[in-house]
Structures are given as structure tokens and as C-alpha cells.
């Protein structure tokens, strides 16, 4: 299933993130792709806000992983950018445990850990548009996200 949403500004991006948080579930995996500065970390911050996380959420580029323990759902924020030139056997740093864990895993630059991404994840590609807006292209083959994407589409478009 595919869904495209256009974010005209930061408020729209925050709304998308908060809607993703509203429908989040334990064991969920979101992958975020897009150029530098597209809004991957901004989206993650709004997801965290929607989950009720009080800690400041920032990019884990140099740490690779940041954990935000929270009830009812913890957020595991992975930035795989620094793993670009790392051999597969050197990527065994415990990310699978987090990705397959009982929180919400948000993965920036998933292409660099593609072998760890479950088949039933939700992919979000963020692109710049000529008019300054951003396109959020959602894609999944997993039926467990279909009703979530329908609800997000309905709420975002009626906001």
C-alpha cells in the first residue's frame, strides 16, 4: 500500500509525526529515507512528542542509536548513516535486538542496514518539492499498516 502526503510547513510535518505516534504499536519499524535536511529527524522528534516523550530528541548520527524509554511505547531512534562503509560482519552491534524489540524503532538511512530491516516495516521517503513543500511517500506490503495509513490519510487531510 502506498500513500503520499504533502507537508507545506513544519506544522504539517509535526502533524504527520503525531499521527504516526497516535497509531504506534510495540514492535513497529519505520524506515526514513531522504536527502540530508529533508526532515527525517524532525519527523522523529514529532513522533516522540506524540508518544509523550519529554526528553530532547536529536539525531543519533554519531551514536548510531538513542533509546527513549517511555510507557506505553519506547522509541528507539537509529541513524545508520555512519554504517555506510562498514562490512556486514562489523555491523553486529545489537541493532537487531532493538529493531525486533517491543518498542517503536525509527531508522534513518535504512539502506545501510538493509539486511536488518524486517519485511513488514513501513517505509517513509521524504523528498523536497520545488515549491518548498515536502512529499512524504509511505510504502508497505504489510497489511498491519493498511488501516493505520487510511486513518492517517483521513485525519491529515481533514485537519
Protein backbone atom coordinates (compact mmCIF):
# COMPACT_ATOMS: atom_id res chain seq x y z
CA UNK A 1 0.00 0.00 0.00
CA UNK A 2 1.22 3.46 -0.85
CA UNK A 3 0.27 6.88 0.49
CA UNK A 4 1.56 10.34 -0.38
CA UNK A 5 1.13 13.31 1.94
CA UNK A 6 2.37 16.82 1.23
CA UNK A 7 3.78 18.83 4.12
CA UNK A 8 3.59 22.55 3.39
CA UNK A 9 5.41 23.52 6.58
CA UNK A 10 6.75 22.40 9.94
CA UNK A 11 3.23 22.23 11.39
CA UNK A 12 2.23 19.69 8.73
CA UNK A 13 5.36 17.61 9.38
CA UNK A 14 4.64 17.68 13.12
CA UNK A 15 1.05 16.58 12.44
CA UNK A 16 2.28 13.61 10.39
CA UNK A 17 4.64 12.59 13.20
CA UNK A 18 1.99 12.94 15.87
CA UNK A 19 -0.44 10.85 13.81
CA UNK A 20 2.22 8.15 13.41
CA UNK A 21 2.63 8.19 17.20
CA UNK A 22 -1.12 8.03 17.75
CA UNK A 23 -1.28 4.72 15.86
CA UNK A 24 2.09 3.35 17.00
CA UNK A 25 2.35 -0.16 18.35
CA UNK A 26 5.00 -2.28 20.05
CA UNK A 27 7.34 -3.94 17.56
CA UNK A 28 6.68 -1.37 14.86
CA UNK A 29 9.52 -0.48 12.49
CA UNK A 30 9.53 2.76 10.49
CA UNK A 31 12.28 3.47 7.99
CA UNK A 32 13.00 7.05 6.97
CA UNK A 33 14.79 7.86 3.71
CA UNK A 34 15.58 11.19 2.12
CA UNK A 35 18.36 13.65 1.44
CA UNK A 36 20.23 15.41 4.21
CA UNK A 37 17.95 18.03 5.72
CA UNK A 38 14.77 16.51 4.30
CA UNK A 39 13.15 16.20 7.73
CA UNK A 40 13.87 12.69 8.97
CA UNK A 41 14.94 13.78 12.45
CA UNK A 42 12.22 16.44 12.58
CA UNK A 43 9.64 13.74 11.89
CA UNK A 44 11.18 11.54 14.59
CA UNK A 45 11.00 14.42 17.09
CA UNK A 46 7.29 14.84 16.42
CA UNK A 47 6.73 11.09 16.76
CA UNK A 48 8.47 11.26 20.14
CA UNK A 49 6.34 14.21 21.18
CA UNK A 50 3.22 12.30 20.15
CA UNK A 51 4.36 9.34 22.26
CA UNK A 52 4.69 11.65 25.25
CA UNK A 53 8.49 11.55 25.45
CA UNK A 54 9.78 14.53 27.41
CA UNK A 55 13.50 14.11 26.59
CA UNK A 56 15.01 16.16 23.79
CA UNK A 57 15.20 14.03 20.68
CA UNK A 58 18.10 14.73 18.37
CA UNK A 59 19.94 12.88 15.65
CA UNK A 60 21.94 9.87 16.81
CA UNK A 61 24.36 10.25 13.87
CA UNK A 62 27.48 9.83 16.00
CA UNK A 63 25.91 7.40 18.47
CA UNK A 64 24.01 5.37 15.84
CA UNK A 65 21.29 4.55 18.41
CA UNK A 66 19.43 6.56 21.02
CA UNK A 67 16.83 4.98 23.27
CA UNK A 68 13.95 6.91 24.78
CA UNK A 69 12.34 4.68 27.38
CA UNK A 70 8.69 5.52 27.76
CA UNK A 71 5.34 3.99 28.63
CA UNK A 72 3.40 2.63 26.91
CA UNK A 73 5.87 2.58 23.97
CA UNK A 74 9.59 3.30 23.97
CA UNK A 75 11.25 4.93 20.97
CA UNK A 76 14.46 3.53 19.51
CA UNK A 77 16.00 6.04 17.11
CA UNK A 78 18.65 4.60 14.79
CA UNK A 79 20.72 6.63 12.34
CA UNK A 80 22.62 4.14 10.17
CA UNK A 81 24.43 6.79 8.10
CA UNK A 82 27.81 6.07 9.69
CA UNK A 83 27.47 2.38 8.79
CA UNK A 84 27.69 3.12 5.06
CA UNK A 85 31.22 1.73 4.58
CA UNK A 86 31.13 -0.87 7.33
CA UNK A 87 31.39 -4.55 6.39
CA UNK A 88 28.30 -6.63 7.28
CA UNK A 89 30.09 -8.64 9.97
CA UNK A 90 31.11 -5.38 11.69
CA UNK A 91 27.50 -4.17 11.88
CA UNK A 92 26.69 -6.69 14.59
CA UNK A 93 26.34 -4.11 17.35
CA UNK A 94 22.99 -5.19 18.74
CA UNK A 95 20.70 -3.20 16.46
CA UNK A 96 18.66 -6.31 15.63
CA UNK A 97 17.62 -6.60 19.27
CA UNK A 98 16.22 -3.08 19.18
CA UNK A 99 14.64 -3.45 15.73
CA UNK A 100 12.98 -6.70 16.77
CA UNK A 101 12.18 -5.37 20.26
CA UNK A 102 8.96 -4.26 21.87
CA UNK A 103 9.21 -0.54 21.17
CA UNK A 104 8.92 1.64 18.10
CA UNK A 105 12.10 1.56 16.00
CA UNK A 106 12.62 4.57 13.72
CA UNK A 107 15.52 4.03 11.34
CA UNK A 108 17.15 6.82 9.35
CA UNK A 109 19.29 5.77 6.36
CA UNK A 110 17.95 2.18 6.38
CA UNK A 111 19.81 1.38 3.15
CA UNK A 112 22.98 0.90 5.20
CA UNK A 113 21.45 -1.83 7.35
CA UNK A 114 19.04 -3.22 4.78
CA UNK A 115 19.72 -6.79 5.88
CA UNK A 116 18.32 -5.99 9.34
CA UNK A 117 15.06 -4.39 8.22
CA UNK A 118 12.05 -6.68 8.62
CA UNK A 119 9.87 -7.32 5.59
CA UNK A 120 6.82 -6.00 7.42
CA UNK A 121 8.11 -2.49 8.08
CA UNK A 122 6.67 0.85 7.00
CA UNK A 123 8.90 2.87 4.68
CA UNK A 124 8.68 6.66 4.53
CA UNK A 125 10.61 8.60 1.89
CA UNK A 126 10.81 12.36 2.36
CA UNK A 127 11.52 14.50 -0.70
CA UNK A 128 11.88 18.21 -1.36
CA UNK A 129 9.38 19.76 -3.78
CA UNK A 130 10.09 22.78 -5.98
CA UNK A 131 7.59 24.94 -4.08
CA UNK A 132 9.37 24.35 -0.74
CA UNK A 133 6.94 21.72 0.48
CA UNK A 134 7.95 18.13 1.20
CA UNK A 135 6.47 14.87 -0.03
CA UNK A 136 6.06 12.04 2.44
CA UNK A 137 5.77 8.80 0.49
CA UNK A 138 4.63 5.88 2.63
CA UNK A 139 5.06 2.34 1.33
CA UNK A 140 4.42 -1.05 2.89
CA UNK A 141 3.48 -4.56 1.86
CA UNK A 142 2.31 -5.41 5.37
CA UNK A 143 -1.46 -5.45 5.98
CA UNK A 144 -0.89 -4.46 9.61
CA UNK A 145 -0.23 -0.90 8.40
CA UNK A 146 -3.10 -0.57 5.92
CA UNK A 147 -5.71 0.66 8.42
CA UNK A 148 -3.11 2.95 10.02
CA UNK A 149 -2.31 4.62 6.70
CA UNK A 150 -6.01 5.02 5.92
CA UNK A 151 -6.60 6.66 9.31
CA UNK A 152 -3.58 8.95 8.95
CA UNK A 153 -4.70 9.98 5.47
CA UNK A 154 -8.21 10.77 6.69
CA UNK A 155 -7.07 12.73 9.75
CA UNK A 156 -4.27 14.62 7.96
CA UNK A 157 -6.42 15.62 5.00
CA UNK A 158 -9.32 16.71 7.25
CA UNK A 159 -7.14 18.73 9.63
